[in-house]
PDB file of N, CA and C in Angstrom:
ATOM      1  N   MET A   1     -16.287 -51.400  66.561  1.00  0.00           N
ATOM      2  CA  MET A   1     -17.562 -50.827  66.293  1.00  0.00           C
ATOM      3  C   MET A   1     -17.359 -49.647  66.488  1.00  0.00           C
ATOM      4  N   SER A   2     -17.961 -48.267  65.535  1.00  0.00           N
ATOM      5  CA  SER A   2     -17.723 -46.943  65.628  1.00  0.00           C
ATOM      6  C   SER A   2     -18.191 -46.321  66.623  1.00  0.00           C
ATOM      7  N   GLU A   3     -17.702 -45.329  66.988  1.00  0.00           N
ATOM      8  CA  GLU A   3     -18.491 -44.477  68.082  1.00  0.00           C
ATOM      9  C   GLU A   3     -19.391 -43.832  67.491  1.00  0.00           C
ATOM     10  N   PRO A   4     -20.554 -43.083  68.263  1.00  0.00           N
ATOM     11  CA  PRO A   4     -21.690 -42.446  67.569  1.00  0.00           C
ATOM     12  C   PRO A   4     -21.106 -41.241  67.382  1.00  0.00           C
ATOM     13  N   ILE A   5     -21.710 -40.642  66.151  1.00  0.00           N
ATOM     14  CA  ILE A   5     -21.360 -39.334  65.671  1.00  0.00           C
ATOM     15  C   ILE A   5     -21.920 -38.256  66.811  1.00  0.00           C
ATOM     16  N   GLN A   6     -20.986 -37.385  67.094  1.00  0.00           N
ATOM     17  CA  GLN A   6     -21.342 -36.084  68.149  1.00  0.00           C
ATOM     18  C   GLN A   6     -21.603 -35.113  67.222  1.00  0.00           C
ATOM     19  N   TRP A   7     -23.236 -34.676  67.083  1.00  0.00           N
ATOM     20  CA  TRP A   7     -23.391 -33.703  66.123  1.00  0.00           C
ATOM     21  C   TRP A   7     -23.229 -32.320  67.017  1.00  0.00           C
ATOM     22  N   GLN A   8     -22.807 -31.298  66.134  1.00  0.00           N
ATOM     23  CA  GLN A   8     -22.179 -30.210  66.633  1.00  0.00           C
ATOM     24  C   GLN A   8     -23.488 -28.832  66.992  1.00  0.00           C
ATOM     25  N   PRO A   9     -23.273 -28.002  67.740  1.00  0.00           N
ATOM     26  CA  PRO A   9     -24.623 -26.960  67.292  1.00  0.00           C
ATOM     27  C   PRO A   9     -24.048 -26.167  66.676  1.00  0.00           C
ATOM     28  N   ILE A  10     -25.436 -25.358  66.121  1.00  0.00           N
ATOM     29  CA  ILE A  10     -25.434 -24.405  64.927  1.00  0.00           C
ATOM     30  C   ILE A  10     -24.149 -23.482  65.362  1.00  0.00           C
ATOM     31  N   SER A  11     -23.911 -23.069  66.504  1.00  0.00           N
ATOM     32  CA  SER A  11     -22.372 -22.074  66.865  1.00  0.00           C
ATOM     33  C   SER A  11     -21.446 -22.484  66.562  1.00  0.00           C
ATOM     34  N   MET A  12     -21.051 -23.908  66.034  1.00  0.00           N
ATOM     35  CA  MET A  12     -19.802 -24.249  65.329  1.00  0.00           C
ATOM     36  C   MET A  12     -19.759 -23.953  64.018  1.00  0.00           C
ATOM     37  N   LEU A  13     -20.945 -23.411  63.380  1.00  0.00           N
ATOM     38  CA  LEU A  13     -20.930 -23.481  61.817  1.00  0.00           C
ATOM     39  C   LEU A  13     -19.515 -22.514  61.307  1.00  0.00           C
ATOM     40  N   PRO A  14     -19.200 -21.319  62.259  1.00  0.00           N
ATOM     41  CA  PRO A  14     -18.079 -20.386  61.434  1.00  0.00           C
ATOM     42  C   PRO A  14     -16.559 -21.232  61.747  1.00  0.00           C
ATOM     43  N   LEU A  15     -16.898 -22.288  62.465  1.00  0.00           N
ATOM     44  CA  LEU A  15     -15.368 -22.966  62.539  1.00  0.00           C
ATOM     45  C   LEU A  15     -15.254 -24.277  61.649  1.00  0.00           C
ATOM     46  N   ALA A  16     -16.628 -24.668  61.716  1.00  0.00           N
ATOM     47  CA  ALA A  16     -16.534 -25.563  60.147  1.00  0.00           C
ATOM     48  C   ALA A  16     -16.263 -25.164  58.951  1.00  0.00           C
ATOM     49  N   ALA A  17     -16.856 -23.946  58.631  1.00  0.00           N
ATOM     50  CA  ALA A  17     -16.777 -23.177  57.340  1.00  0.00           C
ATOM     51  C   ALA A  17     -15.324 -23.088  57.328  1.00  0.00           C
ATOM     52  N   GLN A  18     -14.553 -22.773  58.216  1.00  0.00           N
ATOM     53  CA  GLN A  18     -13.111 -22.216  58.079  1.00  0.00           C
ATOM     54  C   GLN A  18     -12.213 -23.443  57.804  1.00  0.00           C
ATOM     55  N   MET A  19     -12.615 -24.658  58.617  1.00  0.00           N
ATOM     56  CA  MET A  19     -11.859 -25.690  58.494  1.00  0.00           C
ATOM     57  C   MET A  19     -12.196 -26.678  57.141  1.00  0.00           C
ATOM     58  N   ILE A  20     -13.363 -26.285  56.476  1.00  0.00           N
ATOM     59  CA  ILE A  20     -13.748 -26.576  55.002  1.00  0.00           C
ATOM     60  C   ILE A  20     -13.003 -25.925  53.957  1.00  0.00           C
ATOM     61  N   GLU A  21     -12.831 -24.615  54.426  1.00  0.00           N
ATOM     62  CA  GLU A  21     -11.938 -23.819  53.318  1.00  0.00           C
ATOM     63  C   GLU A  21     -10.880 -24.422  53.697  1.00  0.00           C
ATOM     64  N   GLU A  22     -10.007 -24.610  54.627  1.00  0.00           N
ATOM     65  CA  GLU A  22      -8.766 -24.868  54.619  1.00  0.00           C
ATOM     66  C   GLU A  22      -8.475 -26.114  53.765  1.00  0.00           C
ATOM     67  N   VAL A  23      -9.141 -27.310  54.279  1.00  0.00           N
ATOM     68  CA  VAL A  23      -9.282 -28.327  53.836  1.00  0.00           C
ATOM     69  C   VAL A  23      -8.972 -28.607  51.951  1.00  0.00           C
ATOM     70  N   HIS A  24     -10.181 -27.573  51.535  1.00  0.00           N
ATOM     71  CA  HIS A  24     -10.496 -27.391  50.381  1.00  0.00           C
ATOM     72  C   HIS A  24      -9.234 -26.571  49.306  1.00  0.00           C
ATOM     73  N   GLN A  25      -8.348 -25.584  50.237  1.00  0.00           N
ATOM     74  CA  GLN A  25      -7.168 -25.139  49.806  1.00  0.00           C
ATOM     75  C   GLN A  25      -6.120 -26.017  49.493  1.00  0.00           C
ATOM     76  N   SER A  26      -6.172 -26.833  50.670  1.00  0.00           N
ATOM     77  CA  SER A  26      -5.070 -27.850  50.472  1.00  0.00           C
ATOM     78  C   SER A  26      -5.441 -29.053  49.353  1.00  0.00           C
ATOM     79  N   THR A  27      -6.376 -29.409  49.179  1.00  0.00           N
ATOM     80  CA  THR A  27      -6.686 -30.460  48.271  1.00  0.00           C
ATOM     81  C   THR A  27      -6.830 -30.034  46.948  1.00  0.00           C
ATOM     82  N   GLN A  28      -7.022 -28.608  46.899  1.00  0.00           N
ATOM     83  CA  GLN A  28      -6.631 -28.290  45.851  1.00  0.00           C
ATOM     84  C   GLN A  28      -5.205 -27.843  45.085  1.00  0.00           C
ATOM     85  N   LYS A  29      -4.572 -27.720  45.949  1.00  0.00           N
ATOM     86  CA  LYS A  29      -2.835 -27.409  45.739  1.00  0.00           C
ATOM     87  C   LYS A  29      -2.309 -28.980  45.853  1.00  0.00           C
ATOM     88  N   GLN A  30      -2.771 -30.123  46.493  1.00  0.00           N
ATOM     89  CA  GLN A  30      -2.278 -31.475  46.365  1.00  0.00           C
ATOM     90  C   GLN A  30      -3.020 -31.905  44.915  1.00  0.00           C
ATOM     91  N   ARG A  31      -4.090 -31.501  44.308  1.00  0.00           N
ATOM     92  CA  ARG A  31      -4.553 -31.895  42.968  1.00  0.00           C
ATOM     93  C   ARG A  31      -3.379 -31.343  42.016  1.00  0.00           C
ATOM     94  N   LEU A  32      -3.212 -30.013  41.978  1.00  0.00           N
ATOM     95  CA  LEU A  32      -1.879 -29.461  41.181  1.00  0.00           C
ATOM     96  C   LEU A  32      -0.745 -29.789  41.443  1.00  0.00           C
ATOM     97  N   ASN A  33      -0.508 -30.474  42.505  1.00  0.00           N
ATOM     98  CA  ASN A  33       0.823 -31.064  42.685  1.00  0.00           C
ATOM     99  C   ASN A  33       0.758 -32.274  42.009  1.00  0.00           C
ATOM    100  N   LEU A  34      -0.207 -33.318  41.909  1.00  0.00           N
ATOM    101  CA  LEU A  34      -0.037 -34.482  41.338  1.00  0.00           C
ATOM    102  C   LEU A  34       0.040 -33.927  39.872  1.00  0.00           C
ATOM    103  N   GLU A  35      -0.704 -33.380  39.210  1.00  0.00           N
ATOM    104  CA  GLU A  35      -0.694 -33.043  37.889  1.00  0.00           C
ATOM    105  C   GLU A  35       0.718 -32.648  37.486  1.00  0.00           C
ATOM    106  N   HIS A  36       1.374 -31.816  38.286  1.00  0.00           N
ATOM    107  CA  HIS A  36       2.759 -31.650  37.765  1.00  0.00           C
ATOM    108  C   HIS A  36       3.764 -32.609  38.134  1.00  0.00           C
ATOM    109  N   ALA A  37       3.258 -33.627  38.986  1.00  0.00           N
ATOM    110  CA  ALA A  37       4.447 -34.751  39.371  1.00  0.00           C
ATOM    111  C   ALA A  37       4.300 -35.818  38.242  1.00  0.00           C
ATOM    112  N   LYS A  38       3.081 -35.596  37.125  1.00  0.00           N
ATOM    113  CA  LYS A  38       3.232 -36.563  36.017  1.00  0.00           C
ATOM    114  C   LYS A  38       4.573 -36.565  35.210  1.00  0.00           C
ATOM    115  N   ARG A  39       5.266 -35.174  35.060  1.00  0.00           N
ATOM    116  CA  ARG A  39       6.284 -35.201  34.369  1.00  0.00           C
ATOM    117  C   ARG A  39       7.672 -36.002  35.136  1.00  0.00           C
ATOM    118  N   ASN A  40       7.517 -36.341  36.568  1.00  0.00           N
ATOM    119  CA  ASN A  40       8.517 -36.920  37.150  1.00  0.00           C
ATOM    120  C   ASN A  40       7.835 -37.553  38.099  1.00  0.00           C
ATOM    121  N   PRO A  41       7.094 -38.892  37.596  1.00  0.00           N
ATOM    122  CA  PRO A  41       6.497 -39.873  38.432  1.00  0.00           C
ATOM    123  C   PRO A  41       7.292 -40.588  39.489  1.00  0.00           C
ATOM    124  N   PHE A  42       8.435 -40.944  39.491  1.00  0.00           N
ATOM    125  CA  PHE A  42       8.970 -41.814  40.292  1.00  0.00           C
ATOM    126  C   PHE A  42       9.416 -40.760  41.236  1.00  0.00           C
ATOM    127  N   LEU A  43       9.266 -39.789  41.392  1.00  0.00           N
ATOM    128  CA  LEU A  43       9.560 -39.035  42.753  1.00  0.00           C
ATOM    129  C   LEU A  43       8.567 -39.131  43.831  1.00  0.00           C
ATOM    130  N   LEU A  44       7.657 -39.791  43.542  1.00  0.00           N
ATOM    131  CA  LEU A  44       6.472 -40.403  44.445  1.00  0.00           C
ATOM    132  C   LEU A  44       6.679 -41.662  45.055  1.00  0.00           C
ATOM    133  N   ASP A  45       6.948 -42.168  46.343  1.00  0.00           N
ATOM    134  CA  ASP A  45       7.413 -43.751  46.509  1.00  0.00           C
ATOM    135  C   ASP A  45       6.411 -44.375  46.595  1.00  0.00           C
ATOM    136  N   SER A  46       6.217 -45.906  46.754  1.00  0.00           N
ATOM    137  CA  SER A  46       4.861 -46.455  47.250  1.00  0.00           C
ATOM    138  C   SER A  46       4.287 -45.915  48.272  1.00  0.00           C
ATOM    139  N   HIS A  47       5.093 -45.535  49.306  1.00  0.00           N
ATOM    140  CA  HIS A  47       4.600 -45.417  50.689  1.00  0.00           C
ATOM    141  C   HIS A  47       4.251 -43.744  50.941  1.00  0.00           C
ATOM    142  N   GLU A  48       4.311 -43.483  49.831  1.00  0.00           N
ATOM    143  CA  GLU A  48       3.912 -41.806  50.168  1.00  0.00           C
ATOM    144  C   GLU A  48       2.156 -41.959  49.458  1.00  0.00           C
ATOM    145  N   LEU A  49       2.611 -42.531  48.420  1.00  0.00           N
ATOM    146  CA  LEU A  49       1.370 -42.689  47.641  1.00  0.00           C
ATOM    147  C   LEU A  49       0.154 -43.493  48.268  1.00  0.00           C
ATOM    148  N   ALA A  50       0.502 -44.477  49.037  1.00  0.00           N
ATOM    149  CA  ALA A  50      -0.317 -45.304  50.124  1.00  0.00           C
ATOM    150  C   ALA A  50      -0.970 -44.353  51.191  1.00  0.00           C
ATOM    151  N   ARG A  51      -0.084 -43.638  51.443  1.00  0.00           N
ATOM    152  CA  ARG A  51      -0.524 -42.624  52.487  1.00  0.00           C
ATOM    153  C   ARG A  51      -1.222 -41.728  51.916  1.00  0.00           C
ATOM    154  N   MET A  52      -1.003 -40.943  50.645  1.00  0.00           N
ATOM    155  CA  MET A  52      -1.937 -40.053  50.439  1.00  0.00           C
ATOM    156  C   MET A  52      -3.385 -40.984  49.863  1.00  0.00           C
ATOM    157  N   GLU A  53      -3.424 -42.075  49.483  1.00  0.00           N
ATOM    158  CA  GLU A  53      -4.289 -42.945  49.056  1.00  0.00           C
ATOM    159  C   GLU A  53      -5.542 -42.946  50.399  1.00  0.00           C
ATOM    160  N   ARG A  54      -4.777 -43.405  51.640  1.00  0.00           N
ATOM    161  CA  ARG A  54      -5.493 -43.509  52.923  1.00  0.00           C
ATOM    162  C   ARG A  54      -6.135 -42.299  53.403  1.00  0.00           C
ATOM    163  N   ALA A  55      -5.646 -41.077  53.236  1.00  0.00           N
ATOM    164  CA  ALA A  55      -5.359 -39.663  53.773  1.00  0.00           C
ATOM    165  C   ALA A  55      -6.995 -38.916  52.878  1.00  0.00           C
ATOM    166  N   TYR A  56      -6.859 -39.416  51.541  1.00  0.00           N
ATOM    167  CA  TYR A  56      -8.250 -38.579  50.621  1.00  0.00           C
ATOM    168  C   TYR A  56      -9.011 -39.502  50.667  1.00  0.00           C
ATOM    169  N   THR A  57      -8.882 -41.045  51.135  1.00  0.00           N
ATOM    170  CA  THR A  57     -10.215 -41.868  51.149  1.00  0.00           C
ATOM    171  C   THR A  57     -10.426 -41.645  52.443  1.00  0.00           C
ATOM    172  N   ASN A  58      -9.948 -41.213  53.501  1.00  0.00           N
ATOM    173  CA  ASN A  58     -10.352 -40.631  54.811  1.00  0.00           C
ATOM    174  C   ASN A  58     -11.338 -39.478  54.835  1.00  0.00           C
ATOM    175  N   GLN A  59     -10.692 -38.676  53.859  1.00  0.00           N
ATOM    176  CA  GLN A  59     -11.285 -37.001  53.665  1.00  0.00           C
ATOM    177  C   GLN A  59     -12.713 -37.278  53.041  1.00  0.00           C
ATOM    178  N   LEU A  60     -12.881 -38.269  52.266  1.00  0.00           N
ATOM    179  CA  LEU A  60     -14.209 -38.424  51.409  1.00  0.00           C
ATOM    180  C   LEU A  60     -15.422 -38.694  52.627  1.00  0.00           C
ATOM    181  N   GLU A  61     -15.045 -39.757  53.636  1.00  0.00           N
ATOM    182  CA  GLU A  61     -15.506 -40.491  54.748  1.00  0.00           C
ATOM    183  C   GLU A  61     -15.871 -38.915  55.469  1.00  0.00           C
ATOM    184  N   THR A  62     -14.957 -38.154  55.831  1.00  0.00           N
ATOM    185  CA  THR A  62     -15.453 -36.870  56.790  1.00  0.00           C
ATOM    186  C   THR A  62     -16.253 -35.826  55.782  1.00  0.00           C
ATOM    187  N   LEU A  63     -16.179 -35.632  54.749  1.00  0.00           N
ATOM    188  CA  LEU A  63     -17.016 -34.777  54.027  1.00  0.00           C
ATOM    189  C   LEU A  63     -18.191 -35.089  53.900  1.00  0.00           C
ATOM    190  N   SER A  64     -18.458 -36.595  53.957  1.00  0.00           N
ATOM    191  CA  SER A  64     -19.746 -36.639  54.028  1.00  0.00           C
ATOM    192  C   SER A  64     -20.591 -36.690  55.650  1.00  0.00           C
ATOM    193  N   LEU A  65     -19.656 -36.684  56.426  1.00  0.00           N
ATOM    194  CA  LEU A  65     -19.873 -36.377  58.047  1.00  0.00           C
ATOM    195  C   LEU A  65     -20.195 -35.115  58.384  1.00  0.00           C
ATOM    196  N   PHE A  66     -19.408 -33.950  57.162  1.00  0.00           N
ATOM    197  CA  PHE A  66     -19.726 -32.554  57.289  1.00  0.00           C
ATOM    198  C   PHE A  66     -21.059 -32.448  56.606  1.00  0.00           C
ATOM    199  N   GLN A  67     -21.408 -32.956  55.803  1.00  0.00           N
ATOM    200  CA  GLN A  67     -22.452 -32.674  54.800  1.00  0.00           C
ATOM    201  C   GLN A  67     -23.611 -33.048  55.421  1.00  0.00           C
ATOM    202  N   GLN A  68     -23.878 -34.047  56.445  1.00  0.00           N
ATOM    203  CA  GLN A  68     -24.986 -34.459  57.369  1.00  0.00           C
ATOM    204  C   GLN A  68     -24.805 -33.296  57.911  1.00  0.00           C
ATOM    205  N   GLN A  69     -23.762 -32.783  58.817  1.00  0.00           N
ATOM    206  CA  GLN A  69     -24.071 -31.591  60.068  1.00  0.00           C
ATOM    207  C   GLN A  69     -24.668 -31.072  59.184  1.00  0.00           C
ATOM    208  N   CYS A  70     -24.392 -30.370  57.933  1.00  0.00           N
ATOM    209  CA  CYS A  70     -24.916 -28.949  57.509  1.00  0.00           C
ATOM    210  C   CYS A  70     -26.323 -29.499  57.260  1.00  0.00           C
ATOM    211  N   GLU A  71     -26.722 -30.335  56.701  1.00  0.00           N
ATOM    212  CA  GLU A  71     -28.011 -30.653  56.530  1.00  0.00           C
ATOM    213  C   GLU A  71     -28.978 -30.719  57.951  1.00  0.00           C
ATOM    214  N   ARG A  72     -28.418 -31.113  58.860  1.00  0.00           N
ATOM    215  CA  ARG A  72     -29.214 -31.096  60.176  1.00  0.00           C
ATOM    216  C   ARG A  72     -29.205 -29.740  60.683  1.00  0.00           C
ATOM    217  N   TRP A  73     -28.316 -28.995  60.228  1.00  0.00           N
ATOM    218  CA  TRP A  73     -28.319 -27.398  60.822  1.00  0.00           C
ATOM    219  C   TRP A  73     -29.262 -26.805  59.854  1.00  0.00           C
ATOM    220  N   LEU A  74     -29.333 -27.079  58.560  1.00  0.00           N
ATOM    221  CA  LEU A  74     -30.240 -26.168  57.831  1.00  0.00           C
ATOM    222  C   LEU A  74     -31.998 -26.788  57.829  1.00  0.00           C
ATOM    223  N   ALA A  75     -31.890 -27.847  58.592  1.00  0.00           N
ATOM    224  CA  ALA A  75     -33.278 -28.146  58.728  1.00  0.00           C
ATOM    225  C   ALA A  75     -33.876 -27.923  60.237  1.00  0.00           C
ATOM    226  N   CYS A  76     -33.047 -27.136  60.856  1.00  0.00           N
ATOM    227  CA  CYS A  76     -33.484 -26.148  62.097  1.00  0.00           C
ATOM    228  C   CYS A  76     -33.563 -24.763  61.569  1.00  0.00           C
ATOM    229  N   ASN A  77     -34.524 -24.071  62.467  1.00  0.00           N
ATOM    230  CA  ASN A  77     -35.278 -22.768  62.147  1.00  0.00           C
ATOM    231  C   ASN A  77     -33.672 -21.987  62.004  1.00  0.00           C
ATOM    232  N   THR A  78     -33.216 -21.649  60.927  1.00  0.00           N
ATOM    233  CA  THR A  78     -32.313 -20.605  61.045  1.00  0.00           C
ATOM    234  C   THR A  78     -32.600 -19.470  60.354  1.00  0.00           C
ATOM    235  N   ASN A  79     -31.917 -18.193  60.698  1.00  0.00           N
ATOM    236  CA  ASN A  79     -32.367 -16.829  59.684  1.00  0.00           C
ATOM    237  C   ASN A  79     -31.188 -16.810  58.821  1.00  0.00           C
ATOM    238  N   LEU A  80     -31.826 -16.191  57.690  1.00  0.00           N
ATOM    239  CA  LEU A  80     -31.431 -15.538  56.459  1.00  0.00           C
ATOM    240  C   LEU A  80     -29.892 -15.798  56.019  1.00  0.00           C
ATOM    241  N   ASP A  81     -29.245 -15.039  57.046  1.00  0.00           N
ATOM    242  CA  ASP A  81     -27.739 -15.151  56.956  1.00  0.00           C
ATOM    243  C   ASP A  81     -27.165 -16.607  57.201  1.00  0.00           C
ATOM    244  N   THR A  82     -27.458 -17.171  58.351  1.00  0.00           N
ATOM    245  CA  THR A  82     -27.169 -18.431  58.666  1.00  0.00           C
ATOM    246  C   THR A  82     -27.644 -19.553  57.565  1.00  0.00           C
ATOM    247  N   GLU A  83     -28.596 -19.247  56.721  1.00  0.00           N
ATOM    248  CA  GLU A  83     -29.097 -20.521  56.119  1.00  0.00           C
ATOM    249  C   GLU A  83     -28.055 -20.238  54.750  1.00  0.00           C
ATOM    250  N   THR A  84     -27.792 -18.788  54.165  1.00  0.00           N
ATOM    251  CA  THR A  84     -27.108 -18.508  53.158  1.00  0.00           C
ATOM    252  C   THR A  84     -25.626 -19.045  54.071  1.00  0.00           C
ATOM    253  N   GLN A  85     -24.964 -19.058  54.772  1.00  0.00           N
ATOM    254  CA  GLN A  85     -23.628 -19.582  55.000  1.00  0.00           C
ATOM    255  C   GLN A  85     -23.474 -20.930  54.778  1.00  0.00           C
ATOM    256  N   LEU A  86     -24.893 -21.689  55.154  1.00  0.00           N
ATOM    257  CA  LEU A  86     -24.797 -22.848  54.979  1.00  0.00           C
ATOM    258  C   LEU A  86     -24.878 -23.833  53.834  1.00  0.00           C
ATOM    259  N   LEU A  87     -25.813 -22.975  52.834  1.00  0.00           N
ATOM    260  CA  LEU A  87     -25.729 -23.300  51.764  1.00  0.00           C
ATOM    261  C   LEU A  87     -24.403 -23.076  50.847  1.00  0.00           C
ATOM    262  N   GLU A  88     -23.593 -21.964  51.129  1.00  0.00           N
ATOM    263  CA  GLU A  88     -22.248 -21.790  50.477  1.00  0.00           C
ATOM    264  C   GLU A  88     -21.219 -22.925  50.919  1.00  0.00           C
ATOM    265  N   THR A  89     -21.665 -23.207  52.283  1.00  0.00           N
ATOM    266  CA  THR A  89     -20.548 -24.047  52.858  1.00  0.00           C
ATOM    267  C   THR A  89     -20.779 -25.562  52.100  1.00  0.00           C
ATOM    268  N   MET A  90     -22.238 -25.819  52.066  1.00  0.00           N
ATOM    269  CA  MET A  90     -22.618 -27.217  51.326  1.00  0.00           C
ATOM    270  C   MET A  90     -22.246 -27.288  50.107  1.00  0.00           C
ATOM    271  N   GLU A  91     -22.054 -25.892  49.409  1.00  0.00           N
ATOM    272  CA  GLU A  91     -21.833 -26.123  47.942  1.00  0.00           C
ATOM    273  C   GLU A  91     -20.240 -26.366  47.798  1.00  0.00           C
ATOM    274  N   ARG A  92     -19.456 -25.637  48.608  1.00  0.00           N
ATOM    275  CA  ARG A  92     -18.069 -25.807  49.072  1.00  0.00           C
ATOM    276  C   ARG A  92     -17.644 -27.214  49.327  1.00  0.00           C
ATOM    277  N   LEU A  93     -18.472 -28.056  50.078  1.00  0.00           N
ATOM    278  CA  LEU A  93     -18.374 -29.479  50.439  1.00  0.00           C
ATOM    279  C   LEU A  93     -18.656 -29.971  49.192  1.00  0.00           C
ATOM    280  N   LEU A  94     -19.684 -29.860  48.092  1.00  0.00           N
ATOM    281  CA  LEU A  94     -19.932 -30.681  46.881  1.00  0.00           C
ATOM    282  C   LEU A  94     -18.409 -30.729  46.236  1.00  0.00           C
ATOM    283  N   GLU A  95     -17.982 -29.243  46.062  1.00  0.00           N
ATOM    284  CA  GLU A  95     -16.931 -28.914  45.195  1.00  0.00           C
ATOM    285  C   GLU A  95     -15.599 -29.821  45.760  1.00  0.00           C
ATOM    286  N   MET A  96     -15.581 -29.957  47.254  1.00  0.00           N
ATOM    287  CA  MET A  96     -14.477 -30.467  47.472  1.00  0.00           C
ATOM    288  C   MET A  96     -14.360 -31.870  47.761  1.00  0.00           C
ATOM    289  N   ASP A  97     -15.718 -32.855  47.405  1.00  0.00           N
ATOM    290  CA  ASP A  97     -16.060 -34.206  47.160  1.00  0.00           C
ATOM    291  C   ASP A  97     -15.354 -34.354  45.761  1.00  0.00           C
ATOM    292  N   LYS A  98     -15.760 -33.639  44.681  1.00  0.00           N
ATOM    293  CA  LYS A  98     -15.344 -33.741  43.422  1.00  0.00           C
ATOM    294  C   LYS A  98     -13.922 -33.535  43.576  1.00  0.00           C
ATOM    295  N   MET A  99     -13.101 -32.689  43.970  1.00  0.00           N
ATOM    296  CA  MET A  99     -11.936 -32.842  44.070  1.00  0.00           C
ATOM    297  C   MET A  99     -11.382 -33.704  44.651  1.00  0.00           C
ATOM    298  N   THR A 100     -11.705 -34.254  45.705  1.00  0.00           N
ATOM    299  CA  THR A 100     -10.851 -35.616  46.392  1.00  0.00           C
ATOM    300  C   THR A 100     -10.749 -36.682  45.310  1.00  0.00           C
ATOM    301  N   ARG A 101     -12.162 -36.739  44.815  1.00  0.00           N
ATOM    302  CA  ARG A 101     -12.387 -38.087  44.060  1.00  0.00           C
ATOM    303  C   ARG A 101     -11.331 -37.666  42.655  1.00  0.00           C
ATOM    304  N   ASP A 102     -10.949 -36.300  42.507  1.00  0.00           N
ATOM    305  CA  ASP A 102     -10.165 -36.107  41.559  1.00  0.00           C
ATOM    306  C   ASP A 102      -8.785 -36.841  41.933  1.00  0.00           C
ATOM    307  N   VAL A 103      -8.253 -36.278  42.649  1.00  0.00           N
ATOM    308  CA  VAL A 103      -7.095 -36.616  43.694  1.00  0.00           C
ATOM    309  C   VAL A 103      -7.010 -38.227  43.835  1.00  0.00           C
ATOM    310  N   LEU A 104      -8.084 -38.506  43.965  1.00  0.00           N
ATOM    311  CA  LEU A 104      -7.841 -40.357  44.050  1.00  0.00           C
ATOM    312  C   LEU A 104      -7.656 -40.984  42.740  1.00  0.00           C
ATOM    313  N   GLU A 105      -8.571 -40.478  41.883  1.00  0.00           N
ATOM    314  CA  GLU A 105      -8.003 -40.869  40.501  1.00  0.00           C
ATOM    315  C   GLU A 105      -6.659 -40.727  40.056  1.00  0.00           C
ATOM    316  N   LYS A 106      -6.013 -39.327  40.007  1.00  0.00           N
ATOM    317  CA  LYS A 106      -4.549 -39.037  39.769  1.00  0.00           C
ATOM    318  C   LYS A 106      -3.724 -40.189  40.555  1.00  0.00           C
ATOM    319  N   LEU A 107      -4.112 -40.697  41.944  1.00  0.00           N
ATOM    320  CA  LEU A 107      -3.272 -41.375  42.717  1.00  0.00           C
ATOM    321  C   LEU A 107      -3.370 -42.668  42.081  1.00  0.00           C
ATOM    322  N   LYS A 108      -4.295 -42.954  41.388  1.00  0.00           N
ATOM    323  CA  LYS A 108      -4.392 -44.678  40.387  1.00  0.00           C
ATOM    324  C   LYS A 108      -3.286 -44.426  39.381  1.00  0.00           C
ATOM    325  N   TYR A 109      -3.214 -43.011  38.707  1.00  0.00           N
ATOM    326  CA  TYR A 109      -2.374 -43.206  37.692  1.00  0.00           C
ATOM    327  C   TYR A 109      -0.679 -43.508  38.141  1.00  0.00           C
ATOM    328  N   PHE A 110      -0.257 -42.659  39.285  1.00  0.00           N
ATOM    329  CA  PHE A 110       1.231 -43.293  39.649  1.00  0.00           C
ATOM    330  C   PHE A 110       1.326 -44.637  40.480  1.00  0.00           C
ATOM    331  N   ILE A 111       0.014 -45.205  40.869  1.00  0.00           N
ATOM    332  CA  ILE A 111      -0.036 -46.434  41.639  1.00  0.00           C
ATOM    333  C   ILE A 111       0.074 -47.357  40.363  1.00  0.00           C
ATOM    334  N   GLY A 112      -0.233 -47.249  39.007  1.00  0.00           N
ATOM    335  CA  GLY A 112      -0.320 -48.141  38.277  1.00  0.00           C
ATOM    336  C   GLY A 112       0.930 -48.064  37.265  1.00  0.00           C
ATOM    337  N   ILE A 113       1.859 -47.131  37.959  1.00  0.00           N
ATOM    338  CA  ILE A 113       3.274 -47.082  36.958  1.00  0.00           C
ATOM    339  C   ILE A 113       4.204 -48.551  37.585  1.00  0.00           C
TER     340      ILE A 113
END
C-alpha cells in the first residue's frame, strides 16, 4: 500500500521550481544523448536501457504529483507574483511531461534493436 501524499506548503514553491528546472535540463540532455546514440546503438547495454526506462517511467509519476501540488497551491489565495511563478512552473511541467514521453519513445528504439 502506498503512503499518503504529504502536500507541501506554498513556501516550498521556490524549491520545487528549482528542482523542476534541474530535472528539465537533465531530461533535455538525455533526450539529445539518445538522439546522438542512434549512430552507435550498441553502446547502450540492456541493463542501462532498463534502468533508464524505469527512471523515466518513475519521473512521469513524479511529474503528476508535482502538477497536483501546483494545482493545490493555485487553488489557494495567492498573490500575483506567486500565481505567475506557479503558472510558469506548471508550463515547465507540461514541457517535461512531453520530453519524458519522448525519451521513453526513444528508448523503445534501442530496446527493439
